[in-house]
């Protein structure tokens, strides 16, 4: 039986902004482990749960005697170090992209420790867009645009950083509660590809998965230059799923006839043609950008996005934390308020 080198539940990982306690391992692949964790020190803006991604190549490295430190044999250490450096650079780029768009999952921390590299993102516990459609049934055009337009905003922003997501699917869009509203957020940054100004890949990291119906044909081979068309395909397929409740088949066998049969018959022909264009198996003939996709879909704009907390909300959060989180006795708090009022009146 192959060894499982995942960190044990309860392990403390020291980050740059906080320490994190491992609660469970939720994903294993050739580049590492993904864990659910919790911050050891909670503050006003600290979430209760987080997701940690750890770089660990299980066919190359081992755990040290402490069960935490990553140890690699000298003969392959340079190869692992190169891969970890790429993981580190990708993590930093993901953090910059996350900061630029409220509709992309928040990267909370990136750091090196235990002989490897980690990044930490917020834990999203709302239902996925796939679950939403499966429960409700096919959505109207207006609701599809309302929900998915912020996701197009997020992907367009990613592309300005010369990065492509490569894992856009209905199951990688999750609703979060924000000021009493359900807001869609794009997550799963594990397989993002990053490119320089010349369109060349900055470092080689494997594409983790090819989700049937959402990965275009070129993703099953290799993506060696910047191709926004790859994400455009996945976005168009997600729109088709929203309108029909059905997943398209493998992109390598998809035809125009199948797309037409899957879409609702009442959909305007201009919209059908726009989606067919974005689902062309040949990337050179496919819609080339999110902007072009929106134009062909006749101004696919709208929707709700997360906003920066204003001062009033911050004050409310502070009071909530004082009453419910920090266990300050109410009598002491009341005395402090009365004392402050008397001083102001003197």
Protein backbone atom coordinates (compact mmCIF):
# COMPACT_ATOMS: atom_id res chain seq x y z
CA UNK A 1 0.00 0.00 0.00
CA UNK A 2 1.32 3.44 -0.96
CA UNK A 3 2.30 5.68 1.96
CA UNK A 4 0.01 8.59 2.72
CA UNK A 5 2.25 11.54 3.57
CA UNK A 6 -0.59 13.97 4.33
CA UNK A 7 -0.24 15.95 7.54
CA UNK A 8 -2.09 14.43 10.49
CA UNK A 9 -5.21 16.11 11.85
CA UNK A 10 -4.25 18.53 14.61
CA UNK A 11 -0.86 19.44 13.12
CA UNK A 12 0.02 23.13 13.51
CA UNK A 13 1.50 24.86 10.46
CA UNK A 14 3.15 28.23 11.10
CA UNK A 15 2.23 30.78 8.41
CA UNK A 16 3.36 34.35 7.85
CA UNK A 17 0.10 35.88 9.11
CA UNK A 18 -1.19 33.18 11.44
CA UNK A 19 -0.73 29.59 12.55
CA UNK A 20 -3.13 27.00 11.14
CA UNK A 21 -4.39 23.78 12.69
CA UNK A 22 -5.02 20.96 10.18
CA UNK A 23 -8.55 19.56 10.48
CA UNK A 24 -8.66 17.16 7.52
CA UNK A 25 -7.08 16.38 4.15
CA UNK A 26 -9.55 16.80 1.28
CA UNK A 27 -7.39 16.36 -1.84
CA UNK A 28 -4.26 14.49 -2.94
CA UNK A 29 -2.53 14.85 -6.28
CA UNK A 30 0.91 14.77 -7.86
CA UNK A 31 1.80 18.27 -6.67
CA UNK A 32 0.64 18.10 -3.07
CA UNK A 33 -2.13 18.04 -0.51
CA UNK A 34 -5.11 20.26 0.21
CA UNK A 35 -6.41 20.58 3.77
CA UNK A 36 -9.26 22.13 5.68
CA UNK A 37 -7.78 24.06 8.60
CA UNK A 38 -8.56 26.67 11.19
CA UNK A 39 -6.55 29.73 12.28
CA UNK A 40 -5.04 29.25 15.73
CA UNK A 41 -5.51 32.92 16.64
CA UNK A 42 -8.86 34.37 15.64
CA UNK A 43 -9.17 38.11 14.98
CA UNK A 44 -12.05 40.28 13.78
CA UNK A 45 -11.34 39.66 10.10
CA UNK A 46 -10.04 36.10 10.44
CA UNK A 47 -12.34 33.38 9.02
CA UNK A 48 -13.26 30.40 11.17
CA UNK A 49 -12.02 27.93 8.55
CA UNK A 50 -9.46 28.07 5.75
CA UNK A 51 -8.13 25.83 3.00
CA UNK A 52 -4.38 25.16 2.90
CA UNK A 53 -2.54 23.96 -0.19
CA UNK A 54 0.82 22.28 0.49
CA UNK A 55 3.45 21.59 -2.17
CA UNK A 56 4.49 17.95 -1.76
CA UNK A 57 5.53 15.56 -4.52
CA UNK A 58 4.65 12.13 -3.04
CA UNK A 59 6.74 10.15 -5.54
CA UNK A 60 9.82 12.24 -4.78
CA UNK A 61 9.71 13.32 -1.13
CA UNK A 62 9.06 11.91 2.33
CA UNK A 63 8.15 13.24 5.77
CA UNK A 64 10.88 13.69 8.35
CA UNK A 65 10.86 12.04 11.75
CA UNK A 66 8.64 14.84 13.09
CA UNK A 67 5.92 13.89 10.61
CA UNK A 68 5.81 17.45 9.26
CA UNK A 69 9.08 18.43 7.57
CA UNK A 70 9.41 17.56 3.86
CA UNK A 71 12.58 15.58 3.12
CA UNK A 72 13.82 14.89 -0.42
CA UNK A 73 16.71 12.58 -1.43
CA UNK A 74 19.75 14.57 -2.67
CA UNK A 75 19.71 13.01 -6.13
CA UNK A 76 16.34 14.55 -6.99
CA UNK A 77 16.35 17.57 -4.68
CA UNK A 78 17.13 20.03 -7.50
CA UNK A 79 14.11 18.83 -9.51
CA UNK A 80 11.80 19.16 -6.51
CA UNK A 81 13.27 22.58 -5.67
CA UNK A 82 12.55 23.79 -9.22
CA UNK A 83 8.94 22.59 -8.99
CA UNK A 84 8.52 24.19 -5.58
CA UNK A 85 9.87 27.49 -6.92
CA UNK A 86 7.23 27.37 -9.65
CA UNK A 87 4.57 26.61 -7.04
CA UNK A 88 5.77 29.59 -5.00
CA UNK A 89 5.65 31.97 -7.97
CA UNK A 90 2.21 30.69 -8.97
CA UNK A 91 0.98 31.21 -5.40
CA UNK A 92 2.19 34.80 -5.41
CA UNK A 93 0.50 35.45 -8.74
CA UNK A 94 -2.72 33.89 -7.46
CA UNK A 95 -2.60 36.22 -4.46
CA UNK A 96 -2.24 39.27 -6.72
CA UNK A 97 -5.09 38.09 -8.94
CA UNK A 98 -7.26 37.39 -5.89
CA UNK A 99 -6.68 40.90 -4.56
CA UNK A 100 -7.83 42.38 -7.87
CA UNK A 101 -11.26 40.74 -8.10
CA UNK A 102 -14.01 40.26 -5.48
CA UNK A 103 -15.39 37.34 -7.51
CA UNK A 104 -12.24 35.22 -7.09
CA UNK A 105 -11.57 33.28 -3.90
CA UNK A 106 -9.45 35.24 -1.42
CA UNK A 107 -5.83 34.15 -0.97
CA UNK A 108 -5.15 34.86 2.71
CA UNK A 109 -1.55 33.78 3.25
CA UNK A 110 1.50 32.47 1.36
CA UNK A 111 4.62 31.22 3.10
CA UNK A 112 7.54 28.79 3.18
CA UNK A 113 8.00 26.45 6.13
CA UNK A 114 8.73 22.79 6.93
CA UNK A 115 10.95 22.51 3.86
CA UNK A 116 8.12 23.33 1.44
CA UNK A 117 5.64 26.03 0.41
CA UNK A 118 2.00 26.70 1.27
CA UNK A 119 -0.80 29.05 0.32
CA UNK A 120 -4.02 29.58 2.24
CA UNK A 121 -7.43 30.59 0.85
CA UNK A 122 -10.80 31.30 2.41
CA UNK A 123 -13.12 28.36 3.06
CA UNK A 124 -16.34 28.69 1.05
CA UNK A 125 -19.26 26.74 2.50
CA UNK A 126 -22.17 27.75 0.26
CA UNK A 127 -23.62 25.50 -2.42
CA UNK A 128 -21.95 25.28 -5.82
CA UNK A 129 -23.52 26.61 -8.98
CA UNK A 130 -23.84 23.02 -10.20
CA UNK A 131 -25.85 22.09 -7.10
CA UNK A 132 -27.97 25.22 -7.51
CA UNK A 133 -28.97 24.37 -11.08
CA UNK A 134 -29.51 20.69 -10.28
CA UNK A 135 -31.94 21.67 -7.52
CA UNK A 136 -33.75 24.46 -9.33
CA UNK A 137 -33.64 23.21 -12.91
CA UNK A 138 -32.51 25.15 -16.02
CA UNK A 139 -32.25 28.88 -15.42
CA UNK A 140 -33.67 31.71 -17.47
CA UNK A 141 -31.41 33.87 -19.60
CA UNK A 142 -31.75 36.78 -17.16
CA UNK A 143 -30.82 34.67 -14.11
CA UNK A 144 -27.94 33.07 -15.99
CA UNK A 145 -26.56 36.50 -16.84
CA UNK A 146 -27.10 37.77 -13.27
CA UNK A 147 -25.15 34.89 -11.73
CA UNK A 148 -22.40 34.32 -14.29
CA UNK A 149 -21.56 37.89 -15.32
CA UNK A 150 -19.39 38.45 -12.19
CA UNK A 151 -17.57 35.22 -13.03
CA UNK A 152 -16.81 36.57 -16.50
CA UNK A 153 -15.50 39.72 -14.80
CA UNK A 154 -13.19 37.57 -12.67
CA UNK A 155 -11.84 35.57 -15.61
CA UNK A 156 -11.30 38.72 -17.65
CA UNK A 157 -9.27 40.14 -14.76
CA UNK A 158 -7.22 36.93 -14.57
CA UNK A 159 -6.40 37.27 -18.26
CA UNK A 160 -5.04 40.78 -17.74
CA UNK A 161 -2.44 39.11 -15.49
CA UNK A 162 -1.53 36.70 -18.31
CA UNK A 163 -3.04 33.79 -16.40
CA UNK A 164 -5.66 31.23 -17.42
CA UNK A 165 -7.77 29.31 -14.91
CA UNK A 166 -8.14 25.95 -16.77
CA UNK A 167 -10.70 24.55 -14.28
CA UNK A 168 -13.81 26.69 -14.79
CA UNK A 169 -16.83 24.45 -14.21
CA UNK A 170 -20.23 24.83 -12.48
CA UNK A 171 -18.77 22.90 -9.52
CA UNK A 172 -15.98 25.49 -9.11
CA UNK A 173 -18.37 28.41 -8.64
CA UNK A 174 -19.71 28.66 -5.12
CA UNK A 175 -22.23 31.04 -3.55
CA UNK A 176 -21.19 32.95 -0.44
CA UNK A 177 -23.35 35.06 1.84
CA UNK A 178 -22.35 38.71 1.67
CA UNK A 179 -24.47 41.36 3.39
CA UNK A 180 -27.47 39.05 3.18
CA UNK A 181 -27.08 38.30 -0.54
CA UNK A 182 -25.84 35.18 -2.30
CA UNK A 183 -22.77 36.14 -4.32
CA UNK A 184 -21.03 33.80 -6.81
CA UNK A 185 -17.29 33.30 -6.34
CA UNK A 186 -14.87 31.43 -8.60
CA UNK A 187 -12.48 29.12 -6.78
CA UNK A 188 -10.08 26.20 -7.50
CA UNK A 189 -6.86 28.03 -8.34
CA UNK A 190 -4.79 24.83 -8.20
CA UNK A 191 -4.24 24.52 -11.94
CA UNK A 192 -3.88 28.13 -13.08
CA UNK A 193 -1.25 28.63 -15.78
CA UNK A 194 0.85 31.81 -15.86
CA UNK A 195 2.62 33.41 -18.82
CA UNK A 196 5.03 36.26 -19.52
CA UNK A 197 4.47 39.24 -21.83
CA UNK A 198 5.65 37.19 -24.81
CA UNK A 199 2.98 34.58 -24.12
CA UNK A 200 5.47 31.92 -22.95
CA UNK A 201 4.72 29.89 -19.85
CA UNK A 202 6.65 31.20 -16.85
CA UNK A 203 7.15 27.74 -15.34
CA UNK A 204 5.96 24.26 -16.10
CA UNK A 205 3.23 22.95 -13.85
CA UNK A 206 0.92 20.16 -15.05
CA UNK A 207 -2.75 20.79 -15.72
CA UNK A 208 -4.38 18.92 -12.86
CA UNK A 209 -7.67 17.82 -14.42
CA UNK A 210 -9.72 17.87 -17.58
CA UNK A 211 -13.38 18.01 -16.58
CA UNK A 212 -15.45 16.38 -19.31
CA UNK A 213 -17.53 18.96 -21.14
CA UNK A 214 -15.54 21.95 -19.89
CA UNK A 215 -11.95 21.29 -20.94
CA UNK A 216 -11.39 22.15 -24.63
CA UNK A 217 -9.40 19.77 -26.87
CA UNK A 218 -6.09 21.61 -26.48
CA UNK A 219 -6.20 21.08 -22.72
CA UNK A 220 -5.97 17.30 -23.23
CA UNK A 221 -2.64 17.84 -24.99
CA UNK A 222 -0.66 20.78 -23.63
CA UNK A 223 -0.97 24.53 -23.37
CA UNK A 224 2.42 26.04 -24.08
CA UNK A 225 1.39 29.66 -24.72
CA UNK A 226 -1.15 32.13 -23.37
CA UNK A 227 -4.60 31.08 -24.61
CA UNK A 228 -7.61 32.95 -23.17
CA UNK A 229 -9.67 30.84 -25.59
CA UNK A 230 -9.25 27.89 -23.21
CA UNK A 231 -11.22 29.65 -20.47
CA UNK A 232 -13.70 31.09 -22.99
CA UNK A 233 -14.64 27.52 -23.94
CA UNK A 234 -15.26 26.60 -20.29
CA UNK A 235 -17.33 29.75 -19.69
CA UNK A 236 -19.52 29.04 -22.72
CA UNK A 237 -20.02 25.46 -21.60
CA UNK A 238 -21.00 26.71 -18.12
CA UNK A 239 -23.58 29.03 -19.71
CA UNK A 240 -24.98 26.09 -21.68
CA UNK A 241 -25.27 24.09 -18.46
CA UNK A 242 -27.08 26.98 -16.77
CA UNK A 243 -29.63 27.27 -19.57
CA UNK A 244 -30.18 23.53 -20.09
CA UNK A 245 -29.26 21.79 -16.85
CA UNK A 246 -27.11 19.43 -18.94
CA UNK A 247 -23.36 18.93 -19.24
CA UNK A 248 -21.97 18.89 -22.75
CA UNK A 249 -20.01 15.80 -23.83
CA UNK A 250 -16.25 15.57 -24.25
CA UNK A 251 -15.02 18.52 -26.32
CA UNK A 252 -13.20 16.15 -28.67
CA UNK A 253 -16.52 14.75 -29.90
CA UNK A 254 -18.68 17.88 -29.55
CA UNK A 255 -20.48 19.10 -32.65
CA UNK A 256 -22.65 22.08 -33.50
CA UNK A 257 -25.66 19.78 -33.70
CA UNK A 258 -25.11 18.57 -30.13
CA UNK A 259 -24.89 22.14 -28.84
CA UNK A 260 -28.13 23.07 -30.61
CA UNK A 261 -29.92 19.98 -29.28
CA UNK A 262 -28.76 20.77 -25.73
CA UNK A 263 -29.82 24.42 -25.67
CA UNK A 264 -33.47 25.48 -25.10
CA UNK A 265 -35.33 25.73 -28.44
CA UNK A 266 -36.66 29.22 -27.65
CA UNK A 267 -33.17 30.72 -27.30
CA UNK A 268 -32.51 33.45 -29.92
CA UNK A 269 -30.38 32.32 -32.86
CA UNK A 270 -27.85 35.08 -32.23
CA UNK A 271 -27.22 33.67 -28.75
CA UNK A 272 -26.97 30.11 -30.05
CA UNK A 273 -24.42 31.16 -32.66
CA UNK A 274 -22.40 33.06 -30.06
CA UNK A 275 -22.18 29.97 -27.85
CA UNK A 276 -21.33 27.72 -30.79
CA UNK A 277 -18.55 30.12 -31.76
CA UNK A 278 -17.15 30.03 -28.21
CA UNK A 279 -17.32 26.21 -28.21
CA UNK A 280 -15.42 25.70 -31.45
CA UNK A 281 -12.97 22.81 -30.92
CA UNK A 282 -10.33 24.69 -32.90
CA UNK A 283 -8.97 27.50 -30.67
CA UNK A 284 -7.89 29.51 -33.73
CA UNK A 285 -11.56 29.66 -34.80
CA UNK A 286 -12.98 30.12 -31.29
CA UNK A 287 -14.05 33.38 -29.64
CA UNK A 288 -10.76 34.90 -28.58
CA UNK A 289 -11.57 36.77 -25.36
CA UNK A 290 -14.12 37.32 -22.61
CA UNK A 291 -14.83 40.77 -24.05
CA UNK A 292 -15.63 39.28 -27.46
CA UNK A 293 -17.83 36.62 -25.86
CA UNK A 294 -19.82 39.31 -24.07
CA UNK A 295 -20.23 41.33 -27.24
CA UNK A 296 -21.53 38.32 -29.15
CA UNK A 297 -23.90 37.51 -26.29
CA UNK A 298 -25.23 41.07 -26.55
CA UNK A 299 -23.80 42.77 -23.44
CA UNK A 300 -23.58 39.91 -20.95
CA UNK A 301 -23.20 42.22 -17.94
CA UNK A 302 -24.75 42.59 -14.49
CA UNK A 303 -24.82 40.55 -11.30
CA UNK A 304 -23.72 41.10 -7.71
CA UNK A 305 -20.17 41.13 -6.42
CA UNK A 306 -18.63 41.32 -2.99
CA UNK A 307 -17.71 44.81 -1.84
CA UNK A 308 -15.17 46.20 0.59
CA UNK A 309 -16.50 46.48 4.13
CA UNK A 310 -17.48 50.06 4.91
CA UNK A 311 -16.79 51.80 8.23
CA UNK A 312 -20.29 51.22 9.56
CA UNK A 313 -20.16 47.50 8.91
CA UNK A 314 -16.74 47.38 10.58
CA UNK A 315 -18.14 49.04 13.70
CA UNK A 316 -21.02 46.58 13.79
CA UNK A 317 -18.61 43.66 13.41
CA UNK A 318 -16.52 45.01 16.29
CA UNK A 319 -19.51 45.15 18.61
CA UNK A 320 -20.57 41.64 17.56
CA UNK A 321 -17.08 40.37 18.35
CA UNK A 322 -17.03 42.08 21.74
CA UNK A 323 -20.37 40.62 22.75
CA UNK A 324 -20.10 37.14 21.25
CA UNK A 325 -16.46 36.39 20.48
CA UNK A 326 -14.11 37.79 23.09
CA UNK A 327 -16.21 36.95 26.18
CA UNK A 328 -15.97 40.47 27.69
CA UNK A 329 -18.47 40.61 30.57
CA UNK A 330 -21.41 42.84 29.73
CA UNK A 331 -21.17 44.74 33.01
CA UNK A 332 -17.58 45.81 32.26
CA UNK A 333 -18.54 46.85 28.75
CA UNK A 334 -21.50 48.87 30.02
CA UNK A 335 -19.33 50.59 32.63
CA UNK A 336 -16.81 51.58 29.95
CA UNK A 337 -19.55 53.14 27.82
CA UNK A 338 -20.96 55.14 30.77
CA UNK A 339 -17.49 56.33 31.79
CA UNK A 340 -16.71 57.49 28.24
CA UNK A 341 -20.00 59.43 28.12
CA UNK A 342 -19.30 61.21 31.42
CA UNK A 343 -15.81 62.23 30.28
CA UNK A 344 -17.20 63.70 27.06
CA UNK A 345 -19.75 65.76 29.00
CA UNK A 346 -17.22 67.21 31.45
